[in-house]
C-alpha cells in the first residue's frame, strides 16, 4: 500500500515527475503531484 507524492517547482522537471508518478500508479499506488505555478 502507500502513495507517491512529489512537489514540482521547476517546469523543466515536470516530464520526469509525471513519468515517476505514472510508474507509481502502474505499481498500484496512488500518486499526487503538487505543481507550483506562477502567473506571469
N, C-alpha and C. Protein backbone atom coordinates (compact mmCIF):
# COMPACT_ATOMS: atom_id res chain seq x y z
N UNK A 1 0.85 -1.18 0.00
CA UNK A 1 0.00 0.00 0.00
C UNK A 1 0.89 1.23 0.00
N UNK A 2 0.33 2.39 0.30
CA UNK A 2 1.12 3.61 0.30
C UNK A 2 0.76 4.48 -0.88
N UNK A 3 1.42 5.60 -0.94
CA UNK A 3 1.16 6.55 -2.02
C UNK A 3 2.46 7.24 -2.39
N UNK A 4 2.48 7.80 -3.58
CA UNK A 4 3.63 8.53 -4.07
C UNK A 4 3.25 10.01 -4.14
N UNK A 5 4.10 10.89 -3.64
CA UNK A 5 3.86 12.32 -3.72
C UNK A 5 5.14 13.06 -4.05
N UNK A 6 5.00 14.12 -4.82
CA UNK A 6 6.16 14.91 -5.22
C UNK A 6 5.73 16.35 -5.44
N UNK A 7 6.55 17.28 -4.98
CA UNK A 7 6.32 18.71 -5.23
C UNK A 7 7.21 19.13 -6.39
N UNK A 8 6.62 19.78 -7.38
CA UNK A 8 7.36 20.22 -8.56
C UNK A 8 7.28 21.74 -8.64
N UNK A 9 8.46 22.38 -8.63
CA UNK A 9 8.50 23.84 -8.73
C UNK A 9 9.22 24.32 -9.99
N UNK A 10 9.85 23.40 -10.69
CA UNK A 10 10.60 23.74 -11.91
C UNK A 10 9.92 23.08 -13.10
N UNK A 11 9.43 23.87 -14.05
CA UNK A 11 8.75 23.28 -15.22
C UNK A 11 9.61 22.29 -15.99
N UNK A 12 10.91 22.44 -15.93
CA UNK A 12 11.81 21.56 -16.67
C UNK A 12 11.77 20.13 -16.14
N UNK A 13 11.42 19.94 -14.88
CA UNK A 13 11.38 18.58 -14.32
C UNK A 13 9.98 17.98 -14.36
N UNK A 14 9.01 18.70 -14.89
CA UNK A 14 7.64 18.19 -14.95
C UNK A 14 7.53 16.87 -15.74
N UNK A 15 8.14 16.74 -16.91
CA UNK A 15 8.01 15.46 -17.63
C UNK A 15 8.53 14.27 -16.82
N UNK A 16 9.66 14.43 -16.17
CA UNK A 16 10.22 13.34 -15.37
C UNK A 16 9.34 13.05 -14.16
N UNK A 17 8.79 14.08 -13.55
CA UNK A 17 7.91 13.89 -12.40
C UNK A 17 6.64 13.14 -12.81
N UNK A 18 6.11 13.46 -13.97
CA UNK A 18 4.94 12.75 -14.47
C UNK A 18 5.25 11.28 -14.73
N UNK A 19 6.44 11.01 -15.29
CA UNK A 19 6.84 9.62 -15.51
C UNK A 19 6.93 8.86 -14.19
N UNK A 20 7.53 9.48 -13.17
CA UNK A 20 7.65 8.82 -11.87
C UNK A 20 6.27 8.56 -11.27
N UNK A 21 5.38 9.52 -11.37
CA UNK A 21 4.03 9.36 -10.83
C UNK A 21 3.29 8.25 -11.57
N UNK A 22 3.41 8.20 -12.88
CA UNK A 22 2.75 7.15 -13.66
C UNK A 22 3.30 5.77 -13.31
N UNK A 23 4.58 5.67 -13.08
CA UNK A 23 5.17 4.40 -12.67
C UNK A 23 4.61 3.95 -11.32
N UNK A 24 4.43 4.90 -10.41
CA UNK A 24 3.85 4.57 -9.11
C UNK A 24 2.42 4.05 -9.28
N UNK A 25 1.64 4.68 -10.15
CA UNK A 25 0.26 4.25 -10.40
C UNK A 25 0.26 2.86 -11.03
N UNK A 26 1.15 2.63 -11.97
CA UNK A 26 1.23 1.30 -12.58
C UNK A 26 1.58 0.24 -11.55
N UNK A 27 2.30 0.65 -10.50
CA UNK A 27 2.67 -0.28 -9.44
C UNK A 27 1.60 -0.43 -8.38
N UNK A 28 0.45 0.22 -8.56
CA UNK A 28 -0.66 0.05 -7.63
C UNK A 28 -0.77 1.12 -6.56
N UNK A 29 0.07 2.15 -6.62
CA UNK A 29 -0.01 3.23 -5.64
C UNK A 29 -0.83 4.39 -6.19
N UNK A 30 -1.38 5.18 -5.27
CA UNK A 30 -1.97 6.46 -5.66
C UNK A 30 -0.81 7.44 -5.84
N UNK A 31 -0.99 8.44 -6.67
CA UNK A 31 0.08 9.42 -6.91
C UNK A 31 -0.50 10.83 -6.92
N UNK A 32 0.25 11.74 -6.30
CA UNK A 32 -0.14 13.16 -6.26
C UNK A 32 1.08 13.98 -6.63
N UNK A 33 0.90 14.89 -7.59
CA UNK A 33 1.94 15.86 -7.92
C UNK A 33 1.45 17.23 -7.48
N UNK A 34 2.24 17.89 -6.65
CA UNK A 34 1.94 19.25 -6.20
C UNK A 34 2.74 20.17 -7.10
N UNK A 35 2.07 20.74 -8.10
CA UNK A 35 2.72 21.58 -9.10
C UNK A 35 2.54 23.05 -8.74
N UNK A 36 3.64 23.69 -8.40
CA UNK A 36 3.60 25.10 -8.02
C UNK A 36 3.82 25.92 -9.27
N UNK A 37 2.86 26.79 -9.57
CA UNK A 37 2.96 27.64 -10.76
C UNK A 37 2.87 29.10 -10.38
N UNK A 38 3.39 29.94 -11.25
CA UNK A 38 3.36 31.37 -11.05
C UNK A 38 2.79 32.00 -12.32
N UNK A 39 1.78 32.82 -12.14
CA UNK A 39 1.21 33.52 -13.30
C UNK A 39 2.09 34.71 -13.62
N UNK A 40 2.50 34.80 -14.90
CA UNK A 40 3.34 35.92 -15.33
C UNK A 40 2.57 36.87 -16.19
